[in-house]
C-alpha atoms as a PDB file:
ATOM      1  CA  UNK A   1      -0.387  -0.184   0.216  1.00  0.00           C
ATOM      2  CA  UNK A   2       1.513   3.510  -1.067  1.00  0.00           C
ATOM      3  CA  UNK A   3       0.280   6.643   0.691  1.00  0.00           C
ATOM      4  CA  UNK A   4       0.908  10.197   0.372  1.00  0.00           C
ATOM      5  CA  UNK A   5       0.611  11.628   3.994  1.00  0.00           C
ATOM      6  CA  UNK A   6       4.060  11.953   5.212  1.00  0.00           C
ATOM      7  CA  UNK A   7       3.492  12.845   8.827  1.00  0.00           C
ATOM      8  CA  UNK A   8       3.609   9.108  10.172  1.00  0.00           C
ATOM      9  CA  UNK A   9       3.919   8.279  13.974  1.00  0.00           C
ATOM     10  CA  UNK A  10       4.419   4.983  14.180  1.00  0.00           C
ATOM     11  CA  UNK A  11       3.100   4.045  18.109  1.00  0.00           C
ATOM     12  CA  UNK A  12       1.252   1.702  20.331  1.00  0.00           C
ATOM     13  CA  UNK A  13      -1.873   2.078  21.758  1.00  0.00           C
ATOM     14  CA  UNK A  14      -2.709   2.554  25.278  1.00  0.00           C
ATOM     15  CA  UNK A  15      -6.404   3.143  25.553  1.00  0.00           C
ATOM     16  CA  UNK A  16      -9.167   2.815  23.380  1.00  0.00           C
ATOM     17  CA  UNK A  17     -12.897   4.197  24.968  1.00  0.00           C
ATOM     18  CA  UNK A  18     -15.970   3.817  22.453  1.00  0.00           C
ATOM     19  CA  UNK A  19     -18.854   5.740  22.724  1.00  0.00           C
ATOM     20  CA  UNK A  20     -22.368   5.508  20.806  1.00  0.00           C
ATOM     21  CA  UNK A  21     -20.921   7.625  17.844  1.00  0.00           C
ATOM     22  CA  UNK A  22     -17.128   8.110  18.004  1.00  0.00           C
ATOM     23  CA  UNK A  23     -14.314   6.256  19.730  1.00  0.00           C
ATOM     24  CA  UNK A  24     -11.199   7.760  21.385  1.00  0.00           C
ATOM     25  CA  UNK A  25      -7.690   6.178  21.077  1.00  0.00           C
ATOM     26  CA  UNK A  26      -4.990   7.046  22.921  1.00  0.00           C
ATOM     27  CA  UNK A  27      -1.249   6.031  21.410  1.00  0.00           C
ATOM     28  CA  UNK A  28       1.630   6.511  23.027  1.00  0.00           C
ATOM     29  CA  UNK A  29       4.973   7.724  20.089  1.00  0.00           C
ATOM     30  CA  UNK A  30       8.060   7.414  22.144  1.00  0.00           C
ATOM     31  CA  UNK A  31       7.798   9.435  25.037  1.00  0.00           C
ATOM     32  CA  UNK A  32       4.556  11.047  23.568  1.00  0.00           C
ATOM     33  CA  UNK A  33       0.808  10.322  24.157  1.00  0.00           C
ATOM     34  CA  UNK A  34      -1.749  11.697  21.356  1.00  0.00           C
ATOM     35  CA  UNK A  35      -5.445  11.194  21.048  1.00  0.00           C
ATOM     36  CA  UNK A  36      -7.166  10.593  17.811  1.00  0.00           C
ATOM     37  CA  UNK A  37     -10.988  11.220  17.683  1.00  0.00           C
ATOM     38  CA  UNK A  38     -12.553   8.745  14.990  1.00  0.00           C
ATOM     39  CA  UNK A  39     -16.087   6.356  14.546  1.00  0.00           C
ATOM     40  CA  UNK A  40     -16.908   4.284  16.728  1.00  0.00           C
ATOM     41  CA  UNK A  41     -17.664   1.876  12.807  1.00  0.00           C
ATOM     42  CA  UNK A  42     -13.501   2.632  11.924  1.00  0.00           C
ATOM     43  CA  UNK A  43     -12.170   1.613  15.442  1.00  0.00           C
ATOM     44  CA  UNK A  44     -14.652  -2.106  15.191  1.00  0.00           C
ATOM     45  CA  UNK A  45     -13.373  -2.636  11.748  1.00  0.00           C
ATOM     46  CA  UNK A  46     -10.064  -1.921  12.449  1.00  0.00           C
ATOM     47  CA  UNK A  47     -10.352  -3.635  15.566  1.00  0.00           C
ATOM     48  CA  UNK A  48      -8.448  -1.309  17.683  1.00  0.00           C
ATOM     49  CA  UNK A  49      -7.101  -2.943  20.741  1.00  0.00           C
ATOM     50  CA  UNK A  50      -4.642  -1.186  23.739  1.00  0.00           C
ATOM     51  CA  UNK A  51      -1.385  -3.308  23.379  1.00  0.00           C
ATOM     52  CA  UNK A  52      -1.482  -3.332  19.588  1.00  0.00           C
ATOM     53  CA  UNK A  53       1.155  -1.421  17.418  1.00  0.00           C
ATOM     54  CA  UNK A  54      -0.771   1.311  15.322  1.00  0.00           C
ATOM     55  CA  UNK A  55       1.123   4.097  12.818  1.00  0.00           C
ATOM     56  CA  UNK A  56      -1.212   7.435  13.427  1.00  0.00           C
ATOM     57  CA  UNK A  57      -0.682   9.748   9.885  1.00  0.00           C
ATOM     58  CA  UNK A  58      -1.549  13.536  10.367  1.00  0.00           C
ATOM     59  CA  UNK A  59      -2.889  15.224   7.408  1.00  0.00           C
ATOM     60  CA  UNK A  60      -4.127  18.430   8.780  1.00  0.00           C
ATOM     61  CA  UNK A  61      -4.421  22.400   8.131  1.00  0.00           C
ATOM     62  CA  UNK A  62      -3.701  23.649  11.658  1.00  0.00           C
ATOM     63  CA  UNK A  63      -3.199  22.238  15.316  1.00  0.00           C
ATOM     64  CA  UNK A  64      -3.306  24.874  17.633  1.00  0.00           C
ATOM     65  CA  UNK A  65      -3.022  25.266  21.442  1.00  0.00           C
ATOM     66  CA  UNK A  66      -2.335  27.942  23.872  1.00  0.00           C
ATOM     67  CA  UNK A  67      -2.721  28.103  27.720  1.00  0.00           C
ATOM     68  CA  UNK A  68      -1.408  30.772  29.633  1.00  0.00           C
ATOM     69  CA  UNK A  69      -2.803  33.703  28.263  1.00  0.00           C
ATOM     70  CA  UNK A  70      -0.410  34.185  25.790  1.00  0.00           C
ATOM     71  CA  UNK A  71       0.027  36.710  24.092  1.00  0.00           C
ATOM     72  CA  UNK A  72      -0.650  36.601  19.883  1.00  0.00           C
ATOM     73  CA  UNK A  73      -0.074  39.906  18.864  1.00  0.00           C
END
């Protein structure tokens, strides 16, 4: 399989929380933790489970987090 996404983060699933429509998947990537929100259907089809080795593919135009009253000006 080939894919154009360049941001590939191999990791291990540490938690899967399935809701009615969505699933929150926590992935340990090195010393970091990331969380993906995907459809429940996708999580079930992929058979996602804690301990499973996966690769997170990131394709986003923006990722922003600001705390502590930082000045954006």
